[in-house]
Amino acid sequence: MAVHQRGQIQRAIWTERRDAALRMEQLAGDTGGETWSIRGLEELADTFRRVAEQIRSSYTLGYYSDAPPGRHQLRVEIPGRSLTLRSRHLVVTD
């Protein structure tokens, strides 16, 4: 009986961790962020290095429009540069 209960507990923990990871990925996607998975503490230093590099090379672009409220499409072009654009999904309603 104890083995069966331990299996149920392990499945519940695995399900909870999987659901938490999915929620974090959704939050990151909605806010323009990124998630990284690490398998152990030895990968932590490299992950911190990548985060620090992204912070050092990030820019913020703001936009204000007199157009009526609603969804507006923006296009950002930077000629001759290979860049990654990440943005949060923002819907403003009045």
PDB file of N, CA and C in Angstrom:
ATOM      1  N   MET A   1       0.821  -1.196   0.000  1.00  0.00           N
ATOM      2  CA  MET A   1       0.000   0.000   0.000  1.00  0.00           C
ATOM      3  C   MET A   1       0.864   1.259   0.000  1.00  0.00           C
ATOM      4  N   ALA A   2       1.961   1.276   0.725  1.00  0.00           N
ATOM      5  CA  ALA A   2       2.818   2.457   0.809  1.00  0.00           C
ATOM      6  C   ALA A   2       3.434   2.779  -0.550  1.00  0.00           C
ATOM      7  N   VAL A   3       3.785   1.752  -1.344  1.00  0.00           N
ATOM      8  CA  VAL A   3       4.372   1.986  -2.671  1.00  0.00           C
ATOM      9  C   VAL A   3       3.349   2.669  -3.567  1.00  0.00           C
ATOM     10  N   HIS A   4       2.112   2.215  -3.503  1.00  0.00           N
ATOM     11  CA  HIS A   4       1.050   2.817  -4.308  1.00  0.00           C
ATOM     12  C   HIS A   4       0.851   4.278  -3.928  1.00  0.00           C
ATOM     13  N   GLN A   5       0.805   4.578  -2.658  1.00  0.00           N
ATOM     14  CA  GLN A   5       0.628   5.957  -2.204  1.00  0.00           C
ATOM     15  C   GLN A   5       1.822   6.817  -2.609  1.00  0.00           C
ATOM     16  N   ARG A   6       3.033   6.269  -2.522  1.00  0.00           N
ATOM     17  CA  ARG A   6       4.211   7.027  -2.909  1.00  0.00           C
ATOM     18  C   ARG A   6       4.139   7.352  -4.401  1.00  0.00           C
ATOM     19  N   GLY A   7       3.691   6.409  -5.208  1.00  0.00           N
ATOM     20  CA  GLY A   7       3.531   6.657  -6.641  1.00  0.00           C
ATOM     21  C   GLY A   7       2.526   7.752  -6.912  1.00  0.00           C
ATOM     22  N   GLN A   8       1.434   7.752  -6.170  1.00  0.00           N
ATOM     23  CA  GLN A   8       0.428   8.801  -6.331  1.00  0.00           C
ATOM     24  C   GLN A   8       0.996  10.162  -5.953  1.00  0.00           C
ATOM     25  N   ILE A   9       1.761  10.201  -4.888  1.00  0.00           N
ATOM     26  CA  ILE A   9       2.369  11.459  -4.448  1.00  0.00           C
ATOM     27  C   ILE A   9       3.374  11.938  -5.493  1.00  0.00           C
ATOM     28  N   GLN A  10       4.189  11.028  -6.015  1.00  0.00           N
ATOM     29  CA  GLN A  10       5.173  11.412  -7.023  1.00  0.00           C
ATOM     30  C   GLN A  10       4.488  11.935  -8.289  1.00  0.00           C
ATOM     31  N   ARG A  11       3.401  11.300  -8.702  1.00  0.00           N
ATOM     32  CA  ARG A  11       2.649  11.784  -9.872  1.00  0.00           C
ATOM     33  C   ARG A  11       2.060  13.159  -9.606  1.00  0.00           C
ATOM     34  N   ALA A  12       1.546  13.376  -8.407  1.00  0.00           N
ATOM     35  CA  ALA A  12       0.972  14.678  -8.058  1.00  0.00           C
ATOM     36  C   ALA A  12       2.046  15.764  -8.066  1.00  0.00           C
ATOM     37  N   ILE A  13       3.225  15.452  -7.537  1.00  0.00           N
ATOM     38  CA  ILE A  13       4.326  16.423  -7.539  1.00  0.00           C
ATOM     39  C   ILE A  13       4.750  16.718  -8.964  1.00  0.00           C
ATOM     40  N   TRP A  14       4.886  15.691  -9.795  1.00  0.00           N
ATOM     41  CA  TRP A  14       5.285  15.887 -11.190  1.00  0.00           C
ATOM     42  C   TRP A  14       4.263  16.748 -11.925  1.00  0.00           C
ATOM     43  N   THR A  15       2.980  16.473 -11.702  1.00  0.00           N
ATOM     44  CA  THR A  15       1.917  17.242 -12.357  1.00  0.00           C
ATOM     45  C   THR A  15       1.960  18.701 -11.902  1.00  0.00           C
ATOM     46  N   GLU A  16       2.172  18.920 -10.619  1.00  0.00           N
ATOM     47  CA  GLU A  16       2.237  20.285 -10.096  1.00  0.00           C
ATOM     48  C   GLU A  16       3.428  21.038 -10.690  1.00  0.00           C
ATOM     49  N   ARG A  17       4.572  20.396 -10.786  1.00  0.00           N
ATOM     50  CA  ARG A  17       5.757  21.035 -11.376  1.00  0.00           C
ATOM     51  C   ARG A  17       5.541  21.335 -12.858  1.00  0.00           C
ATOM     52  N   ARG A  18       4.945  20.389 -13.572  1.00  0.00           N
ATOM     53  CA  ARG A  18       4.670  20.602 -14.997  1.00  0.00           C
ATOM     54  C   ARG A  18       3.717  21.777 -15.186  1.00  0.00           C
ATOM     55  N   ASP A  19       2.667  21.830 -14.384  1.00  0.00           N
ATOM     56  CA  ASP A  19       1.700  22.920 -14.489  1.00  0.00           C
ATOM     57  C   ASP A  19       2.343  24.267 -14.144  1.00  0.00           C
ATOM     58  N   ALA A  20       3.209  24.290 -13.137  1.00  0.00           N
ATOM     59  CA  ALA A  20       3.898  25.529 -12.763  1.00  0.00           C
ATOM     60  C   ALA A  20       4.808  25.984 -13.901  1.00  0.00           C
ATOM     61  N   ALA A  21       5.511  25.056 -14.536  1.00  0.00           N
ATOM     62  CA  ALA A  21       6.387  25.403 -15.661  1.00  0.00           C
ATOM     63  C   ALA A  21       5.571  25.968 -16.822  1.00  0.00           C
ATOM     64  N   LEU A  22       4.424  25.381 -17.093  1.00  0.00           N
ATOM     65  CA  LEU A  22       3.569  25.887 -18.172  1.00  0.00           C
ATOM     66  C   LEU A  22       3.054  27.284 -17.857  1.00  0.00           C
ATOM     67  N   ARG A  23       2.699  27.522 -16.598  1.00  0.00           N
ATOM     68  CA  ARG A  23       2.237  28.863 -16.207  1.00  0.00           C
ATOM     69  C   ARG A  23       3.363  29.892 -16.342  1.00  0.00           C
ATOM     70  N   MET A  24       4.584  29.511 -15.977  1.00  0.00           N
ATOM     71  CA  MET A  24       5.720  30.422 -16.108  1.00  0.00           C
ATOM     72  C   MET A  24       6.010  30.715 -17.584  1.00  0.00           C
ATOM     73  N   GLU A  25       5.932  29.705 -18.442  1.00  0.00           N
ATOM     74  CA  GLU A  25       6.142  29.924 -19.871  1.00  0.00           C
ATOM     75  C   GLU A  25       5.063  30.848 -20.438  1.00  0.00           C
ATOM     76  N   GLN A  26       3.833  30.685 -20.011  1.00  0.00           N
ATOM     77  CA  GLN A  26       2.743  31.559 -20.459  1.00  0.00           C
ATOM     78  C   GLN A  26       2.978  32.990 -19.992  1.00  0.00           C
ATOM     79  N   LEU A  27       3.369  33.156 -18.736  1.00  0.00           N
ATOM     80  CA  LEU A  27       3.650  34.480 -18.205  1.00  0.00           C
ATOM     81  C   LEU A  27       4.803  35.135 -18.964  1.00  0.00           C
ATOM     82  N   ALA A  28       5.847  34.389 -19.214  1.00  0.00           N
ATOM     83  CA  ALA A  28       6.991  34.928 -19.960  1.00  0.00           C
ATOM     84  C   ALA A  28       6.561  35.337 -21.368  1.00  0.00           C
ATOM     85  N   GLY A  29       5.786  34.511 -22.030  1.00  0.00           N
ATOM     86  CA  GLY A  29       5.318  34.836 -23.375  1.00  0.00           C
ATOM     87  C   GLY A  29       4.426  36.060 -23.405  1.00  0.00           C
ATOM     88  N   ASP A  30       3.569  36.204 -22.426  1.00  0.00           N
ATOM     89  CA  ASP A  30       2.646  37.341 -22.370  1.00  0.00           C
ATOM     90  C   ASP A  30       3.361  38.655 -22.079  1.00  0.00           C
ATOM     91  N   THR A  31       4.505  38.585 -21.422  1.00  0.00           N
ATOM     92  CA  THR A  31       5.196  39.802 -21.005  1.00  0.00           C
ATOM     93  C   THR A  31       6.471  40.076 -21.796  1.00  0.00           C
ATOM     94  N   GLY A  32       6.733  39.267 -22.824  1.00  0.00           N
ATOM     95  CA  GLY A  32       7.933  39.474 -23.630  1.00  0.00           C
ATOM     96  C   GLY A  32       9.173  38.874 -23.006  1.00  0.00           C
ATOM     97  N   GLY A  33       9.001  38.025 -22.041  1.00  0.00           N
ATOM     98  CA  GLY A  33      10.139  37.405 -21.362  1.00  0.00           C
ATOM     99  C   GLY A  33      10.540  36.090 -21.995  1.00  0.00           C
ATOM    100  N   GLU A  34      11.387  35.386 -21.311  1.00  0.00           N
ATOM    101  CA  GLU A  34      11.907  34.115 -21.795  1.00  0.00           C
ATOM    102  C   GLU A  34      12.109  33.200 -20.597  1.00  0.00           C
ATOM    103  N   THR A  35      11.992  31.914 -20.798  1.00  0.00           N
ATOM    104  CA  THR A  35      12.255  30.966 -19.721  1.00  0.00           C
ATOM    105  C   THR A  35      13.440  30.087 -20.100  1.00  0.00           C
ATOM    106  N   TRP A  36      14.185  29.666 -19.093  1.00  0.00           N
ATOM    107  CA  TRP A  36      15.277  28.723 -19.275  1.00  0.00           C
ATOM    108  C   TRP A  36      15.104  27.605 -18.268  1.00  0.00           C
ATOM    109  N   SER A  37      15.322  26.403 -18.702  1.00  0.00           N
ATOM    110  CA  SER A  37      15.272  25.259 -17.794  1.00  0.00           C
ATOM    111  C   SER A  37      16.694  24.841 -17.474  1.00  0.00           C
ATOM    112  N   ILE A  38      16.941  24.565 -16.228  1.00  0.00           N
ATOM    113  CA  ILE A  38      18.252  24.069 -15.833  1.00  0.00           C
ATOM    114  C   ILE A  38      18.070  22.721 -15.160  1.00  0.00           C
ATOM    115  N   ARG A  39      19.070  21.866 -15.316  1.00  0.00           N
ATOM    116  CA  ARG A  39      18.990  20.522 -14.751  1.00  0.00           C
ATOM    117  C   ARG A  39      19.715  20.409 -13.416  1.00  0.00           C
ATOM    118  N   GLY A  40      20.543  21.404 -13.120  1.00  0.00           N
ATOM    119  CA  GLY A  40      21.275  21.340 -11.867  1.00  0.00           C
ATOM    120  C   GLY A  40      21.964  22.656 -11.569  1.00  0.00           C
ATOM    121  N   LEU A  41      22.521  22.755 -10.381  1.00  0.00           N
ATOM    122  CA  LEU A  41      23.164  23.989  -9.951  1.00  0.00           C
ATOM    123  C   LEU A  41      24.346  24.355 -10.833  1.00  0.00           C
ATOM    124  N   GLU A  42      24.998  23.365 -11.447  1.00  0.00           N
ATOM    125  CA  GLU A  42      26.152  23.653 -12.297  1.00  0.00           C
ATOM    126  C   GLU A  42      25.768  24.484 -13.522  1.00  0.00           C
ATOM    127  N   GLU A  43      24.495  24.488 -13.912  1.00  0.00           N
ATOM    128  CA  GLU A  43      24.031  25.274 -15.052  1.00  0.00           C
ATOM    129  C   GLU A  43      23.598  26.690 -14.648  1.00  0.00           C
ATOM    130  N   LEU A  44      23.558  26.958 -13.360  1.00  0.00           N
ATOM    131  CA  LEU A  44      23.046  28.231 -12.872  1.00  0.00           C
ATOM    132  C   LEU A  44      23.935  29.408 -13.265  1.00  0.00           C
ATOM    133  N   ALA A  45      25.249  29.255 -13.167  1.00  0.00           N
ATOM    134  CA  ALA A  45      26.162  30.359 -13.495  1.00  0.00           C
ATOM    135  C   ALA A  45      26.000  30.778 -14.951  1.00  0.00           C
ATOM    136  N   ASP A  46      25.887  29.808 -15.855  1.00  0.00           N
ATOM    137  CA  ASP A  46      25.704  30.126 -17.276  1.00  0.00           C
ATOM    138  C   ASP A  46      24.370  30.820 -17.511  1.00  0.00           C
ATOM    139  N   THR A  47      23.349  30.396 -16.814  1.00  0.00           N
ATOM    140  CA  THR A  47      22.031  31.023 -16.959  1.00  0.00           C
ATOM    141  C   THR A  47      22.075  32.470 -16.466  1.00  0.00           C
ATOM    142  N   PHE A  48      22.711  32.721 -15.333  1.00  0.00           N
ATOM    143  CA  PHE A  48      22.854  34.094 -14.842  1.00  0.00           C
ATOM    144  C   PHE A  48      23.650  34.946 -15.827  1.00  0.00           C
ATOM    145  N   ARG A  49      24.684  34.368 -16.443  1.00  0.00           N
ATOM    146  CA  ARG A  49      25.473  35.098 -17.433  1.00  0.00           C
ATOM    147  C   ARG A  49      24.600  35.492 -18.615  1.00  0.00           C
ATOM    148  N   ARG A  50      23.751  34.577 -19.090  1.00  0.00           N
ATOM    149  CA  ARG A  50      22.857  34.878 -20.214  1.00  0.00           C
ATOM    150  C   ARG A  50      21.844  35.950 -19.850  1.00  0.00           C
ATOM    151  N   VAL A  51      21.298  35.900 -18.645  1.00  0.00           N
ATOM    152  CA  VAL A  51      20.351  36.926 -18.200  1.00  0.00           C
ATOM    153  C   VAL A  51      21.038  38.284 -18.151  1.00  0.00           C
ATOM    154  N   ALA A  52      22.238  38.339 -17.566  1.00  0.00           N
ATOM    155  CA  ALA A  52      22.972  39.598 -17.468  1.00  0.00           C
ATOM    156  C   ALA A  52      23.282  40.159 -18.858  1.00  0.00           C
ATOM    157  N   GLU A  53      23.664  39.298 -19.802  1.00  0.00           N
ATOM    158  CA  GLU A  53      23.947  39.743 -21.171  1.00  0.00           C
ATOM    159  C   GLU A  53      22.695  40.330 -21.816  1.00  0.00           C
ATOM    160  N   GLN A  54      21.556  39.704 -21.608  1.00  0.00           N
ATOM    161  CA  GLN A  54      20.321  40.225 -22.187  1.00  0.00           C
ATOM    162  C   GLN A  54      19.938  41.570 -21.567  1.00  0.00           C
ATOM    163  N   ILE A  55      20.140  41.717 -20.272  1.00  0.00           N
ATOM    164  CA  ILE A  55      19.822  42.990 -19.628  1.00  0.00           C
ATOM    165  C   ILE A  55      20.725  44.091 -20.169  1.00  0.00           C
ATOM    166  N   ARG A  56      22.016  43.786 -20.349  1.00  0.00           N
ATOM    167  CA  ARG A  56      22.961  44.794 -20.858  1.00  0.00           C
ATOM    168  C   ARG A  56      22.658  45.202 -22.291  1.00  0.00           C
ATOM    169  N   SER A  57      22.038  44.319 -23.068  1.00  0.00           N
ATOM    170  CA  SER A  57      21.832  44.624 -24.485  1.00  0.00           C
ATOM    171  C   SER A  57      20.360  44.870 -24.830  1.00  0.00           C
ATOM    172  N   SER A  58      19.555  45.187 -23.836  1.00  0.00           N
ATOM    173  CA  SER A  58      18.123  45.408 -24.063  1.00  0.00           C
ATOM    174  C   SER A  58      17.814  46.892 -24.209  1.00  0.00           C
ATOM    175  N   TYR A  59      16.822  47.167 -25.013  1.00  0.00           N
ATOM    176  CA  TYR A  59      16.326  48.518 -25.200  1.00  0.00           C
ATOM    177  C   TYR A  59      14.819  48.490 -25.008  1.00  0.00           C
ATOM    178  N   THR A  60      14.279  49.613 -24.607  1.00  0.00           N
ATOM    179  CA  THR A  60      12.839  49.735 -24.450  1.00  0.00           C
ATOM    180  C   THR A  60      12.333  50.769 -25.438  1.00  0.00           C
ATOM    181  N   LEU A  61      11.279  50.409 -26.132  1.00  0.00           N
ATOM    182  CA  LEU A  61      10.668  51.300 -27.105  1.00  0.00           C
ATOM    183  C   LEU A  61       9.255  51.593 -26.638  1.00  0.00           C
ATOM    184  N   GLY A  62       8.935  52.862 -26.494  1.00  0.00           N
ATOM    185  CA  GLY A  62       7.590  53.257 -26.093  1.00  0.00           C
ATOM    186  C   GLY A  62       6.839  53.836 -27.269  1.00  0.00           C
ATOM    187  N   TYR A  63       5.534  53.772 -27.216  1.00  0.00           N
ATOM    188  CA  TYR A  63       4.708  54.261 -28.316  1.00  0.00           C
ATOM    189  C   TYR A  63       3.463  54.897 -27.752  1.00  0.00           C
ATOM    190  N   TYR A  64       3.133  56.080 -28.242  1.00  0.00           N
ATOM    191  CA  TYR A  64       1.910  56.763 -27.853  1.00  0.00           C
ATOM    192  C   TYR A  64       1.223  57.223 -29.125  1.00  0.00           C
ATOM    193  N   SER A  65      -0.059  57.028 -29.199  1.00  0.00           N
ATOM    194  CA  SER A  65      -0.789  57.384 -30.402  1.00  0.00           C
ATOM    195  C   SER A  65      -2.032  58.198 -30.054  1.00  0.00           C
ATOM    196  N   ASP A  66      -2.382  59.133 -30.939  1.00  0.00           N
ATOM    197  CA  ASP A  66      -3.636  59.871 -30.805  1.00  0.00           C
ATOM    198  C   ASP A  66      -4.776  59.136 -31.501  1.00  0.00           C
ATOM    199  N   ALA A  67      -4.464  57.988 -32.095  1.00  0.00           N
ATOM    200  CA  ALA A  67      -5.475  57.203 -32.798  1.00  0.00           C
ATOM    201  C   ALA A  67      -6.503  56.679 -31.795  1.00  0.00           C
ATOM    202  N   PRO A  68      -7.682  56.341 -32.280  1.00  0.00           N
ATOM    203  CA  PRO A  68      -8.707  55.797 -31.381  1.00  0.00           C
ATOM    204  C   PRO A  68      -8.210  54.522 -30.695  1.00  0.00           C
ATOM    205  N   PRO A  69      -8.712  54.242 -29.508  1.00  0.00           N
ATOM    206  CA  PRO A  69      -8.309  53.024 -28.799  1.00  0.00           C
ATOM    207  C   PRO A  69      -8.595  51.789 -29.638  1.00  0.00           C
ATOM    208  N   GLY A  70      -7.795  50.797 -29.442  1.00  0.00           N
ATOM    209  CA  GLY A  70      -7.954  49.542 -30.161  1.00  0.00           C
ATOM    210  C   GLY A  70      -6.603  48.932 -30.459  1.00  0.00           C
ATOM    211  N   ARG A  71      -6.614  47.970 -31.307  1.00  0.00           N
ATOM    212  CA  ARG A  71      -5.394  47.267 -31.660  1.00  0.00           C
ATOM    213  C   ARG A  71      -4.720  47.990 -32.818  1.00  0.00           C
ATOM    214  N   HIS A  72      -3.433  48.254 -32.677  1.00  0.00           N
ATOM    215  CA  HIS A  72      -2.649  48.920 -33.706  1.00  0.00           C
ATOM    216  C   HIS A  72      -1.432  48.062 -34.011  1.00  0.00           C
ATOM    217  N   GLN A  73      -1.070  47.995 -35.241  1.00  0.00           N
ATOM    218  CA  GLN A  73       0.095  47.210 -35.630  1.00  0.00           C
ATOM    219  C   GLN A  73       1.304  48.128 -35.773  1.00  0.00           C
ATOM    220  N   LEU A  74       2.410  47.742 -35.136  1.00  0.00           N
ATOM    221  CA  LEU A  74       3.645  48.497 -35.220  1.00  0.00           C
ATOM    222  C   LEU A  74       4.680  47.649 -35.944  1.00  0.00           C
ATOM    223  N   ARG A  75       5.537  48.317 -36.681  1.00  0.00           N
ATOM    224  CA  ARG A  75       6.618  47.607 -37.360  1.00  0.00           C
ATOM    225  C   ARG A  75       7.925  48.316 -37.023  1.00  0.00           C
ATOM    226  N   VAL A  76       8.874  47.562 -36.524  1.00  0.00           N
ATOM    227  CA  VAL A  76      10.174  48.107 -36.148  1.00  0.00           C
ATOM    228  C   VAL A  76      11.211  47.527 -37.088  1.00  0.00           C
ATOM    229  N   GLU A  77      11.977  48.397 -37.743  1.00  0.00           N
ATOM    230  CA  GLU A  77      13.026  47.960 -38.660  1.00  0.00           C
ATOM    231  C   GLU A  77      14.345  48.580 -38.254  1.00  0.00           C
ATOM    232  N   ILE A  78      15.379  47.765 -38.229  1.00  0.00           N
ATOM    233  CA  ILE A  78      16.731  48.246 -37.970  1.00  0.00           C
ATOM    234  C   ILE A  78      17.604  47.653 -39.075  1.00  0.00           C
ATOM    235  N   PRO A  79      17.883  48.440 -40.093  1.00  0.00           N
ATOM    236  CA  PRO A  79      18.632  47.919 -41.246  1.00  0.00           C
ATOM    237  C   PRO A  79      20.025  47.419 -40.864  1.00  0.00           C
ATOM    238  N   GLY A  80      20.401  46.311 -41.485  1.00  0.00           N
ATOM    239  CA  GLY A  80      21.746  45.789 -41.330  1.00  0.00           C
ATOM    240  C   GLY A  80      22.064  45.173 -39.983  1.00  0.00           C
ATOM    241  N   ARG A  81      21.069  44.910 -39.165  1.00  0.00           N
ATOM    242  CA  ARG A  81      21.312  44.339 -37.837  1.00  0.00           C
ATOM    243  C   ARG A  81      20.553  43.035 -37.692  1.00  0.00           C
ATOM    244  N   SER A  82      21.171  42.081 -37.065  1.00  0.00           N
ATOM    245  CA  SER A  82      20.512  40.819 -36.757  1.00  0.00           C
ATOM    246  C   SER A  82      20.117  40.859 -35.281  1.00  0.00           C
ATOM    247  N   LEU A  83      18.860  41.169 -35.031  1.00  0.00           N
ATOM    248  CA  LEU A  83      18.376  41.344 -33.674  1.00  0.00           C
ATOM    249  C   LEU A  83      17.162  40.466 -33.411  1.00  0.00           C
ATOM    250  N   THR A  84      16.890  40.250 -32.162  1.00  0.00           N
ATOM    251  CA  THR A  84      15.692  39.526 -31.751  1.00  0.00           C
ATOM    252  C   THR A  84      14.758  40.518 -31.082  1.00  0.00           C
ATOM    253  N   LEU A  85      13.527  40.536 -31.526  1.00  0.00           N
ATOM    254  CA  LEU A  85      12.527  41.425 -30.941  1.00  0.00           C
ATOM    255  C   LEU A  85      11.562  40.593 -30.113  1.00  0.00           C
ATOM    256  N   ARG A  86      11.409  40.969 -28.850  1.00  0.00           N
ATOM    257  CA  ARG A  86      10.424  40.338 -27.985  1.00  0.00           C
ATOM    258  C   ARG A  86       9.554  41.442 -27.436  1.00  0.00           C
ATOM    259  N   SER A  87       8.278  41.157 -27.330  1.00  0.00           N
ATOM    260  CA  SER A  87       7.376  42.176 -26.802  1.00  0.00           C
ATOM    261  C   SER A  87       6.296  41.511 -25.981  1.00  0.00           C
ATOM    262  N   ARG A  88       5.706  42.298 -25.136  1.00  0.00           N
ATOM    263  CA  ARG A  88       4.564  41.789 -24.391  1.00  0.00           C
ATOM    264  C   ARG A  88       3.313  42.091 -25.187  1.00  0.00           C
ATOM    265  N   HIS A  89       2.298  41.316 -24.954  1.00  0.00           N
ATOM    266  CA  HIS A  89       1.025  41.532 -25.620  1.00  0.00           C
ATOM    267  C   HIS A  89       0.226  42.496 -24.748  1.00  0.00           C
ATOM    268  N   LEU A  90      -0.089  43.620 -25.300  1.00  0.00           N
ATOM    269  CA  LEU A  90      -0.784  44.640 -24.525  1.00  0.00           C
ATOM    270  C   LEU A  90      -2.049  45.034 -25.276  1.00  0.00           C
ATOM    271  N   VAL A  91      -3.157  44.944 -24.628  1.00  0.00           N
ATOM    272  CA  VAL A  91      -4.414  45.369 -25.192  1.00  0.00           C
ATOM    273  C   VAL A  91      -4.970  46.443 -24.273  1.00  0.00           C
ATOM    274  N   VAL A  92      -5.160  47.629 -24.815  1.00  0.00           N
ATOM    275  CA  VAL A  92      -5.690  48.744 -24.035  1.00  0.00           C
ATOM    276  C   VAL A  92      -7.127  48.990 -24.462  1.00  0.00           C
ATOM    277  N   THR A  93      -8.014  49.043 -23.527  1.00  0.00           N
ATOM    278  CA  THR A  93      -9.422  49.320 -23.844  1.00  0.00           C
ATOM    279  C   THR A  93      -9.896  50.458 -22.990  1.00  0.00           C
ATOM    280  N   ASP A  94     -10.830  51.181 -23.503  1.00  0.00           N
ATOM    281  CA  ASP A  94     -11.449  52.281 -22.740  1.00  0.00           C
ATOM    282  C   ASP A  94     -12.854  51.930 -22.345  1.00  0.00           C
TER     283      ASP A  94
END
